């Protein structure tokens, strides 16, 4: 059984509230879970200590059993000092797609020709 430490959504429409749960990776996001180990309230300010609450002893226990945190939960664990998250770098993310590059190249060619002809 592959265990995940992940978020399970609760709360009303447009008012998200998440539980940080230990769940089997095959179970649905808001479905069956093994244990609740914390909460996350994204509505609260980033400086508020109630925004993320973690049960550190239980999280250490589940991490020792091999539970894998998702990327968002790993950010919380890194901030709490329970796990290390390596920063990611994707320099290709800012590069436009192939069609956009083609359009830019096609649009730049007529503009260069107009700049070379002297204005009367």
Protein backbone atom coordinates (compact mmCIF):
# COMPACT_ATOMS: atom_id res chain seq x y z
CA UNK A 1 0.00 0.00 0.00
CA UNK A 2 1.51 3.31 -1.15
CA UNK A 3 0.81 6.10 1.34
CA UNK A 4 0.55 9.78 0.47
CA UNK A 5 0.45 12.85 2.67
CA UNK A 6 -1.89 15.12 0.76
CA UNK A 7 -4.61 17.74 0.96
CA UNK A 8 -8.28 16.83 1.20
CA UNK A 9 -10.67 19.66 0.40
CA UNK A 10 -13.48 20.69 2.71
CA UNK A 11 -15.31 23.98 3.22
CA UNK A 12 -17.96 25.78 1.24
CA UNK A 13 -17.96 26.93 -2.35
CA UNK A 14 -15.37 29.72 -2.88
CA UNK A 15 -14.23 29.24 0.76
CA UNK A 16 -11.60 26.47 0.63
CA UNK A 17 -10.39 24.65 3.70
CA UNK A 18 -8.04 21.69 3.47
CA UNK A 19 -7.20 18.84 5.80
CA UNK A 20 -3.71 17.38 5.55
CA UNK A 21 -4.34 13.64 5.55
CA UNK A 22 -2.55 10.33 5.26
CA UNK A 23 -4.26 8.33 2.51
CA UNK A 24 -3.73 5.42 0.19
CA UNK A 25 -2.59 6.82 -3.16
CA UNK A 26 -5.42 4.97 -4.93
CA UNK A 27 -8.22 6.56 -2.90
CA UNK A 28 -9.97 9.70 -4.22
CA UNK A 29 -8.90 13.20 -3.13
CA UNK A 30 -11.81 13.78 -0.76
CA UNK A 31 -12.45 10.11 -0.11
CA UNK A 32 -11.18 7.60 2.40
CA UNK A 33 -8.15 8.47 4.45
CA UNK A 34 -6.24 6.94 7.35
CA UNK A 35 -5.56 9.92 9.60
CA UNK A 36 -5.83 13.71 9.70
CA UNK A 37 -2.44 15.22 10.58
CA UNK A 38 -3.08 18.93 10.02
CA UNK A 39 -5.08 21.69 8.40
CA UNK A 40 -4.51 24.42 5.82
CA UNK A 41 -6.66 27.55 5.42
CA UNK A 42 -5.58 29.49 2.31
CA UNK A 43 -8.10 32.28 3.04
CA UNK A 44 -6.06 33.46 6.04
CA UNK A 45 -3.09 35.81 5.68
CA UNK A 46 0.33 34.25 5.06
CA UNK A 47 1.64 35.59 8.38
CA UNK A 48 -1.20 34.01 10.39
CA UNK A 49 -0.03 30.99 12.43
CA UNK A 50 -3.47 29.34 12.05
CA UNK A 51 -3.08 29.20 8.25
CA UNK A 52 -1.14 25.93 8.46
CA UNK A 53 -1.39 23.67 11.50
CA UNK A 54 0.58 20.41 11.65
CA UNK A 55 0.72 17.53 14.10
CA UNK A 56 4.51 17.14 13.91
CA UNK A 57 4.79 13.90 15.91
CA UNK A 58 2.33 12.06 13.70
CA UNK A 59 3.90 13.47 10.54
CA UNK A 60 7.33 12.24 11.63
CA UNK A 61 5.82 8.83 12.35
CA UNK A 62 4.21 8.56 8.91
CA UNK A 63 7.31 9.85 7.14
CA UNK A 64 9.32 7.14 8.91
CA UNK A 65 6.80 4.57 7.60
CA UNK A 66 7.48 5.74 4.02
CA UNK A 67 4.55 8.08 3.32
CA UNK A 68 5.34 10.42 0.41
CA UNK A 69 4.17 14.05 0.67
CA UNK A 70 2.76 15.86 -2.34
CA UNK A 71 4.55 19.00 -3.53
CA UNK A 72 2.25 21.42 -1.68
CA UNK A 73 2.47 19.44 1.57
CA UNK A 74 6.24 19.20 1.17
CA UNK A 75 6.34 23.02 1.16
CA UNK A 76 4.55 23.01 4.54
CA UNK A 77 6.90 20.35 5.92
CA UNK A 78 9.94 22.28 4.70
CA UNK A 79 8.71 25.45 6.42
CA UNK A 80 8.15 23.47 9.64
CA UNK A 81 11.59 21.86 9.37
CA UNK A 82 10.33 18.28 9.03
CA UNK A 83 11.53 17.61 5.46
CA UNK A 84 13.77 19.21 2.88
CA UNK A 85 12.34 20.47 -0.40
CA UNK A 86 14.78 21.22 -3.18
CA UNK A 87 13.86 24.31 -5.23
CA UNK A 88 12.73 23.63 -8.76
CA UNK A 89 13.93 25.51 -11.82
CA UNK A 90 12.26 25.31 -15.21
CA UNK A 91 13.84 27.84 -17.57
CA UNK A 92 11.72 26.49 -20.46
CA UNK A 93 8.51 27.63 -18.74
CA UNK A 94 8.87 31.24 -19.92
CA UNK A 95 9.63 30.32 -23.55
CA UNK A 96 6.60 30.84 -25.84
CA UNK A 97 5.12 27.89 -27.69
CA UNK A 98 6.07 26.87 -31.22
CA UNK A 99 3.16 28.64 -32.95
CA UNK A 100 3.75 31.83 -31.00
CA UNK A 101 7.41 31.82 -32.01
CA UNK A 102 6.42 31.32 -35.66
CA UNK A 103 3.96 34.24 -35.48
CA UNK A 104 6.60 36.45 -33.87
CA UNK A 105 9.12 35.57 -36.58
CA UNK A 106 6.56 36.21 -39.35
CA UNK A 107 5.53 39.53 -37.77
CA UNK A 108 9.12 40.67 -37.31
CA UNK A 109 10.05 40.16 -40.99
CA UNK A 110 7.56 42.75 -42.44
CA UNK A 111 8.41 45.20 -39.66
CA UNK A 112 12.10 45.03 -40.57
CA UNK A 113 11.30 45.67 -44.24
CA UNK A 114 9.19 48.72 -43.35
CA UNK A 115 11.99 50.13 -41.22
CA UNK A 116 14.51 49.89 -44.07
CA UNK A 117 12.42 51.84 -46.63
CA UNK A 118 12.84 55.59 -46.24
CA UNK A 119 9.72 57.61 -45.50
CA UNK A 120 8.89 60.21 -48.19
